[in-house]
Amino acid sequence: MNAEALTSRRCSGKSSLQLATNGRCSPSVGLTELVHGIYRAQTAEARSRRDSFIRELLNDVEVYPYTKETALLAGKIDGEQQSRGIIIPFGDLLIGATALEVGYSMVTANVRHFRLIPGLTVVQL
């Protein structure tokens, strides 16, 4: 499962990684990826485990919506980057644009795709 997390650059005294491991917030597109993982599980036990994990996570995580403003920003980023021959996977583009829109850094194990988004601060998980 893809467990991306966003963390605020404005939180004084705490590192982005500390906030990410506490499960502070997530873009709605990231939540979609997590739910997708439930239904890709090979066994009923794995599906149940993933479902329980996500339900528990949602008790502690603020989910940021994909807004009209985020869509406009994502379209701009995608168009500009593709004109330079840079292709960003669509889900990662939407997640990264959400992080930019709300002014947060991206904490992820998948730094490769998110580093293609101009202006996005990316922290290796």
N, C-alpha and C. Protein backbone atom coordinates (compact mmCIF):
# COMPACT_ATOMS: atom_id res chain seq x y z
N MET A 1 0.84 -1.18 0.00
CA MET A 1 0.00 0.00 0.00
C MET A 1 0.88 1.24 0.00
N ASN A 2 0.40 2.27 -0.63
CA ASN A 2 1.10 3.54 -0.68
C ASN A 2 0.63 4.40 0.48
N ALA A 3 1.51 4.70 1.43
CA ALA A 3 1.10 5.45 2.62
C ALA A 3 1.76 6.82 2.64
N GLU A 4 1.40 7.66 1.70
CA GLU A 4 1.95 9.00 1.64
C GLU A 4 1.42 9.83 2.80
N ALA A 5 2.21 10.80 3.23
CA ALA A 5 1.76 11.70 4.30
C ALA A 5 2.23 13.10 3.99
N LEU A 6 1.45 14.06 4.39
CA LEU A 6 1.82 15.46 4.26
C LEU A 6 2.17 15.99 5.64
N THR A 7 3.14 16.89 5.70
CA THR A 7 3.45 17.51 6.98
C THR A 7 3.69 18.99 6.79
N SER A 8 3.36 19.76 7.78
CA SER A 8 3.44 21.21 7.69
C SER A 8 4.86 21.72 7.87
N ARG A 9 5.26 22.65 7.04
CA ARG A 9 6.54 23.33 7.21
C ARG A 9 6.43 24.36 8.31
N ARG A 10 5.22 24.72 8.69
CA ARG A 10 5.01 25.79 9.65
C ARG A 10 4.94 25.30 11.09
N CYS A 11 5.05 24.03 11.34
CA CYS A 11 4.96 23.52 12.72
C CYS A 11 6.31 23.70 13.40
N SER A 12 6.36 24.58 14.38
CA SER A 12 7.64 24.89 15.02
C SER A 12 8.06 23.77 15.96
N GLY A 13 9.35 23.50 15.97
CA GLY A 13 9.91 22.57 16.92
C GLY A 13 9.74 21.10 16.59
N LYS A 14 9.13 20.76 15.49
CA LYS A 14 8.96 19.34 15.13
C LYS A 14 9.42 19.14 13.69
N SER A 15 10.10 18.04 13.48
CA SER A 15 10.53 17.77 12.11
C SER A 15 9.37 17.20 11.31
N SER A 16 9.47 17.32 9.99
CA SER A 16 8.45 16.77 9.10
C SER A 16 8.29 15.28 9.32
N LEU A 17 9.40 14.58 9.53
CA LEU A 17 9.33 13.13 9.69
C LEU A 17 8.57 12.76 10.95
N GLN A 18 8.78 13.48 12.04
CA GLN A 18 8.04 13.20 13.27
C GLN A 18 6.55 13.36 13.04
N LEU A 19 6.17 14.42 12.36
CA LEU A 19 4.76 14.66 12.11
C LEU A 19 4.18 13.59 11.19
N ALA A 20 4.95 13.17 10.21
CA ALA A 20 4.45 12.16 9.27
C ALA A 20 4.20 10.84 9.98
N THR A 21 5.09 10.44 10.85
CA THR A 21 4.91 9.16 11.51
C THR A 21 3.78 9.22 12.52
N ASN A 22 3.38 10.41 12.93
CA ASN A 22 2.21 10.54 13.79
C ASN A 22 0.92 10.57 12.99
N GLY A 23 1.00 10.54 11.67
CA GLY A 23 -0.18 10.47 10.82
C GLY A 23 -1.06 11.69 10.91
N ARG A 24 -0.52 12.86 10.68
CA ARG A 24 -1.25 14.10 10.84
C ARG A 24 -2.28 14.37 9.75
N CYS A 25 -1.92 14.25 8.49
CA CYS A 25 -2.84 14.58 7.41
C CYS A 25 -2.48 13.85 6.13
N SER A 26 -3.44 13.82 5.21
CA SER A 26 -3.27 13.12 3.95
C SER A 26 -4.15 13.78 2.90
N PRO A 27 -3.71 13.80 1.65
CA PRO A 27 -4.61 14.27 0.59
C PRO A 27 -5.66 13.21 0.30
N SER A 28 -6.82 13.63 -0.18
CA SER A 28 -7.88 12.67 -0.49
C SER A 28 -7.43 11.68 -1.56
N VAL A 29 -6.59 12.12 -2.48
CA VAL A 29 -6.09 11.21 -3.53
C VAL A 29 -5.24 10.11 -2.89
N GLY A 30 -4.45 10.45 -1.88
CA GLY A 30 -3.66 9.45 -1.17
C GLY A 30 -4.54 8.43 -0.46
N LEU A 31 -5.65 8.91 0.10
CA LEU A 31 -6.61 8.01 0.73
C LEU A 31 -7.19 7.04 -0.30
N THR A 32 -7.45 7.55 -1.50
CA THR A 32 -7.95 6.69 -2.58
C THR A 32 -6.96 5.57 -2.87
N GLU A 33 -5.66 5.91 -2.90
CA GLU A 33 -4.64 4.89 -3.14
C GLU A 33 -4.63 3.83 -2.03
N LEU A 34 -4.81 4.27 -0.79
CA LEU A 34 -4.84 3.31 0.32
C LEU A 34 -6.04 2.37 0.20
N VAL A 35 -7.21 2.93 -0.09
CA VAL A 35 -8.42 2.11 -0.23
C VAL A 35 -8.26 1.14 -1.41
N HIS A 36 -7.67 1.61 -2.49
CA HIS A 36 -7.39 0.75 -3.64
C HIS A 36 -6.60 -0.49 -3.19
N GLY A 37 -5.65 -0.27 -2.29
CA GLY A 37 -4.83 -1.36 -1.78
C GLY A 37 -5.62 -2.43 -1.04
N ILE A 38 -6.72 -2.03 -0.41
CA ILE A 38 -7.58 -3.01 0.27
C ILE A 38 -8.06 -4.04 -0.74
N TYR A 39 -8.56 -3.57 -1.86
CA TYR A 39 -9.20 -4.44 -2.85
C TYR A 39 -8.21 -5.16 -3.75
N ARG A 40 -6.93 -4.81 -3.64
CA ARG A 40 -5.88 -5.53 -4.37
C ARG A 40 -5.27 -6.64 -3.53
N ALA A 41 -5.64 -6.72 -2.26
CA ALA A 41 -5.08 -7.74 -1.37
C ALA A 41 -5.42 -9.14 -1.89
N GLN A 42 -4.50 -10.06 -1.70
CA GLN A 42 -4.65 -11.41 -2.23
C GLN A 42 -5.54 -12.31 -1.38
N THR A 43 -5.71 -11.97 -0.10
CA THR A 43 -6.51 -12.81 0.78
C THR A 43 -7.52 -11.96 1.56
N ALA A 44 -8.55 -12.61 2.05
CA ALA A 44 -9.55 -11.92 2.87
C ALA A 44 -8.91 -11.39 4.15
N GLU A 45 -7.97 -12.13 4.70
CA GLU A 45 -7.27 -11.69 5.91
C GLU A 45 -6.48 -10.40 5.65
N ALA A 46 -5.78 -10.36 4.53
CA ALA A 46 -5.01 -9.16 4.19
C ALA A 46 -5.94 -7.98 3.95
N ARG A 47 -7.07 -8.22 3.27
CA ARG A 47 -8.05 -7.14 3.04
C ARG A 47 -8.57 -6.60 4.36
N SER A 48 -8.89 -7.49 5.26
CA SER A 48 -9.41 -7.09 6.57
C SER A 48 -8.37 -6.29 7.35
N ARG A 49 -7.13 -6.72 7.31
CA ARG A 49 -6.04 -6.02 8.00
C ARG A 49 -5.86 -4.62 7.44
N ARG A 50 -5.85 -4.51 6.12
CA ARG A 50 -5.69 -3.20 5.48
C ARG A 50 -6.87 -2.29 5.77
N ASP A 51 -8.08 -2.85 5.72
CA ASP A 51 -9.28 -2.07 6.01
C ASP A 51 -9.24 -1.54 7.44
N SER A 52 -8.87 -2.38 8.38
CA SER A 52 -8.78 -1.97 9.79
C SER A 52 -7.73 -0.88 9.97
N PHE A 53 -6.59 -1.04 9.29
CA PHE A 53 -5.53 -0.04 9.38
C PHE A 53 -6.02 1.33 8.90
N ILE A 54 -6.70 1.34 7.76
CA ILE A 54 -7.17 2.61 7.20
C ILE A 54 -8.24 3.24 8.09
N ARG A 55 -9.15 2.44 8.59
CA ARG A 55 -10.19 2.98 9.48
C ARG A 55 -9.59 3.58 10.75
N GLU A 56 -8.58 2.92 11.30
CA GLU A 56 -7.90 3.45 12.48
C GLU A 56 -7.13 4.72 12.14
N LEU A 57 -6.47 4.71 11.00
CA LEU A 57 -5.72 5.87 10.55
C LEU A 57 -6.62 7.09 10.40
N LEU A 58 -7.82 6.89 9.88
CA LEU A 58 -8.74 8.00 9.65
C LEU A 58 -9.21 8.67 10.94
N ASN A 59 -9.07 7.98 12.07
CA ASN A 59 -9.40 8.60 13.35
C ASN A 59 -8.40 9.69 13.73
N ASP A 60 -7.17 9.58 13.21
CA ASP A 60 -6.09 10.48 13.59
C ASP A 60 -5.61 11.39 12.48
N VAL A 61 -6.17 11.27 11.29
CA VAL A 61 -5.65 11.97 10.12
C VAL A 61 -6.68 12.93 9.56
N GLU A 62 -6.24 14.15 9.29
CA GLU A 62 -7.09 15.10 8.57
C GLU A 62 -6.89 14.85 7.08
N VAL A 63 -7.99 14.72 6.35
CA VAL A 63 -7.92 14.45 4.91
C VAL A 63 -8.23 15.74 4.16
N TYR A 64 -7.28 16.16 3.32
CA TYR A 64 -7.46 17.38 2.53
C TYR A 64 -8.12 17.04 1.20
N PRO A 65 -9.14 17.80 0.82
CA PRO A 65 -9.86 17.52 -0.42
C PRO A 65 -9.07 17.95 -1.65
N TYR A 66 -9.43 17.37 -2.77
CA TYR A 66 -8.91 17.80 -4.07
C TYR A 66 -9.87 18.88 -4.56
N THR A 67 -9.41 20.12 -4.58
CA THR A 67 -10.28 21.26 -4.87
C THR A 67 -10.11 21.77 -6.30
N LYS A 68 -10.96 22.71 -6.66
CA LYS A 68 -10.85 23.37 -7.96
C LYS A 68 -9.49 24.05 -8.10
N GLU A 69 -9.05 24.71 -7.03
CA GLU A 69 -7.74 25.38 -7.06
C GLU A 69 -6.61 24.38 -7.24
N THR A 70 -6.73 23.24 -6.58
CA THR A 70 -5.72 22.20 -6.72
C THR A 70 -5.71 21.65 -8.15
N ALA A 71 -6.88 21.50 -8.74
CA ALA A 71 -6.97 21.01 -10.12
C ALA A 71 -6.29 21.98 -11.09
N LEU A 72 -6.52 23.28 -10.88
CA LEU A 72 -5.88 24.28 -11.73
C LEU A 72 -4.36 24.24 -11.58
N LEU A 73 -3.89 24.11 -10.35
CA LEU A 73 -2.45 24.03 -10.11
C LEU A 73 -1.87 22.76 -10.72
N ALA A 74 -2.54 21.63 -10.54
CA ALA A 74 -2.04 20.36 -11.10
C ALA A 74 -1.98 20.42 -12.62
N GLY A 75 -2.99 21.01 -13.25
CA GLY A 75 -2.99 21.16 -14.71
C GLY A 75 -1.83 22.01 -15.19
N LYS A 76 -1.56 23.09 -14.47
CA LYS A 76 -0.44 23.98 -14.82
C LYS A 76 0.89 23.23 -14.70
N ILE A 77 1.08 22.56 -13.56
CA ILE A 77 2.33 21.82 -13.35
C ILE A 77 2.50 20.75 -14.41
N ASP A 78 1.45 19.98 -14.68
CA ASP A 78 1.54 18.89 -15.64
C ASP A 78 1.84 19.42 -17.04
N GLY A 79 1.15 20.47 -17.45
CA GLY A 79 1.38 21.05 -18.77
C GLY A 79 2.80 21.57 -18.93
N GLU A 80 3.26 22.31 -17.92
CA GLU A 80 4.62 22.87 -17.99
C GLU A 80 5.67 21.76 -17.98
N GLN A 81 5.51 20.76 -17.14
CA GLN A 81 6.50 19.70 -17.07
C GLN A 81 6.48 18.83 -18.33
N GLN A 82 5.30 18.52 -18.85
CA GLN A 82 5.25 17.72 -20.08
C GLN A 82 5.85 18.47 -21.26
N SER A 83 5.71 19.80 -21.28
CA SER A 83 6.32 20.57 -22.37
C SER A 83 7.84 20.49 -22.32
N ARG A 84 8.38 20.11 -21.17
CA ARG A 84 9.83 19.91 -21.00
C ARG A 84 10.21 18.43 -21.14
N GLY A 85 9.23 17.59 -21.44
CA GLY A 85 9.49 16.17 -21.58
C GLY A 85 9.48 15.41 -20.25
N ILE A 86 8.98 16.04 -19.19
CA ILE A 86 8.94 15.42 -17.87
C ILE A 86 7.53 14.91 -17.60
N ILE A 87 7.42 13.62 -17.37
CA ILE A 87 6.12 12.99 -17.11
C ILE A 87 6.03 12.63 -15.63
N ILE A 88 5.00 13.14 -14.97
CA ILE A 88 4.75 12.83 -13.56
C ILE A 88 3.54 11.90 -13.50
N PRO A 89 3.66 10.74 -12.85
CA PRO A 89 2.50 9.86 -12.72
C PRO A 89 1.31 10.64 -12.15
N PHE A 90 0.13 10.42 -12.72
CA PHE A 90 -1.04 11.25 -12.44
C PHE A 90 -1.40 11.31 -10.96
N GLY A 91 -1.44 10.17 -10.28
CA GLY A 91 -1.78 10.17 -8.85
C GLY A 91 -0.79 10.98 -8.04
N ASP A 92 0.49 10.84 -8.35
CA ASP A 92 1.52 11.59 -7.63
C ASP A 92 1.41 13.08 -7.93
N LEU A 93 1.06 13.43 -9.15
CA LEU A 93 0.83 14.83 -9.51
C LEU A 93 -0.27 15.43 -8.65
N LEU A 94 -1.39 14.71 -8.51
CA LEU A 94 -2.52 15.22 -7.73
C LEU A 94 -2.18 15.33 -6.25
N ILE A 95 -1.46 14.36 -5.72
CA ILE A 95 -1.04 14.40 -4.32
C ILE A 95 -0.08 15.56 -4.10
N GLY A 96 0.90 15.71 -4.98
CA GLY A 96 1.87 16.80 -4.85
C GLY A 96 1.23 18.17 -4.99
N ALA A 97 0.29 18.31 -5.91
CA ALA A 97 -0.41 19.59 -6.07
C ALA A 97 -1.23 19.92 -4.83
N THR A 98 -1.81 18.91 -4.20
CA THR A 98 -2.55 19.13 -2.96
C THR A 98 -1.60 19.64 -1.88
N ALA A 99 -0.44 19.03 -1.77
CA ALA A 99 0.55 19.47 -0.78
C ALA A 99 0.95 20.92 -1.02
N LEU A 100 1.21 21.27 -2.27
CA LEU A 100 1.55 22.66 -2.60
C LEU A 100 0.42 23.61 -2.27
N GLU A 101 -0.79 23.22 -2.62
CA GLU A 101 -1.96 24.08 -2.42
C GLU A 101 -2.17 24.41 -0.95
N VAL A 102 -1.95 23.45 -0.07
CA VAL A 102 -2.16 23.70 1.36
C VAL A 102 -0.88 24.15 2.06
N GLY A 103 0.23 24.25 1.32
CA GLY A 103 1.48 24.75 1.87
C GLY A 103 2.23 23.76 2.73
N TYR A 104 2.14 22.48 2.39
CA TYR A 104 2.79 21.44 3.18
C TYR A 104 3.92 20.79 2.40
N SER A 105 4.82 20.16 3.13
CA SER A 105 5.87 19.34 2.53
C SER A 105 5.31 17.95 2.28
N MET A 106 6.00 17.21 1.42
CA MET A 106 5.60 15.84 1.11
C MET A 106 6.59 14.89 1.76
N VAL A 107 6.10 14.01 2.62
CA VAL A 107 6.94 12.99 3.25
C VAL A 107 6.57 11.67 2.60
N THR A 108 7.54 11.02 1.98
CA THR A 108 7.25 9.83 1.18
C THR A 108 8.48 8.95 1.02
N ALA A 109 8.24 7.69 0.76
CA ALA A 109 9.32 6.79 0.37
C ALA A 109 9.58 6.91 -1.13
N ASN A 110 8.63 7.49 -1.87
CA ASN A 110 8.71 7.64 -3.32
C ASN A 110 9.14 9.06 -3.69
N VAL A 111 10.37 9.40 -3.40
CA VAL A 111 10.81 10.77 -3.68
C VAL A 111 10.99 11.02 -5.18
N ARG A 112 11.26 9.99 -5.94
CA ARG A 112 11.56 10.16 -7.37
C ARG A 112 10.49 10.95 -8.11
N HIS A 113 9.24 10.57 -7.99
CA HIS A 113 8.17 11.25 -8.72
C HIS A 113 7.86 12.62 -8.15
N PHE A 114 7.87 12.74 -6.83
CA PHE A 114 7.49 14.01 -6.21
C PHE A 114 8.54 15.09 -6.41
N ARG A 115 9.79 14.70 -6.61
CA ARG A 115 10.84 15.70 -6.87
C ARG A 115 10.71 16.31 -8.26
N LEU A 116 9.85 15.78 -9.08
CA LEU A 116 9.59 16.34 -10.41
C LEU A 116 8.61 17.51 -10.35
N ILE A 117 8.05 17.78 -9.18
CA ILE A 117 7.05 18.84 -9.01
C ILE A 117 7.75 20.09 -8.50
N PRO A 118 7.85 21.13 -9.33
CA PRO A 118 8.54 22.36 -8.93
C PRO A 118 7.91 23.00 -7.70
N GLY A 119 8.79 23.40 -6.77
CA GLY A 119 8.33 24.11 -5.58
C GLY A 119 7.90 23.23 -4.44
N LEU A 120 7.79 21.92 -4.66
CA LEU A 120 7.35 21.01 -3.61
C LEU A 120 8.55 20.56 -2.78
N THR A 121 8.47 20.75 -1.47
CA THR A 121 9.50 20.25 -0.57
C THR A 121 9.22 18.77 -0.32
N VAL A 122 10.21 17.93 -0.60
CA VAL A 122 10.05 16.48 -0.48
C VAL A 122 11.01 15.96 0.58
N VAL A 123 10.49 15.19 1.52
CA VAL A 123 11.28 14.60 2.60
C VAL A 123 11.24 13.08 2.45
N GLN A 124 12.43 12.47 2.40
CA GLN A 124 12.53 11.01 2.28
C GLN A 124 12.06 10.35 3.56
N LEU A 125 11.16 9.38 3.43
CA LEU A 125 10.66 8.62 4.58
C LEU A 125 11.55 7.45 4.83
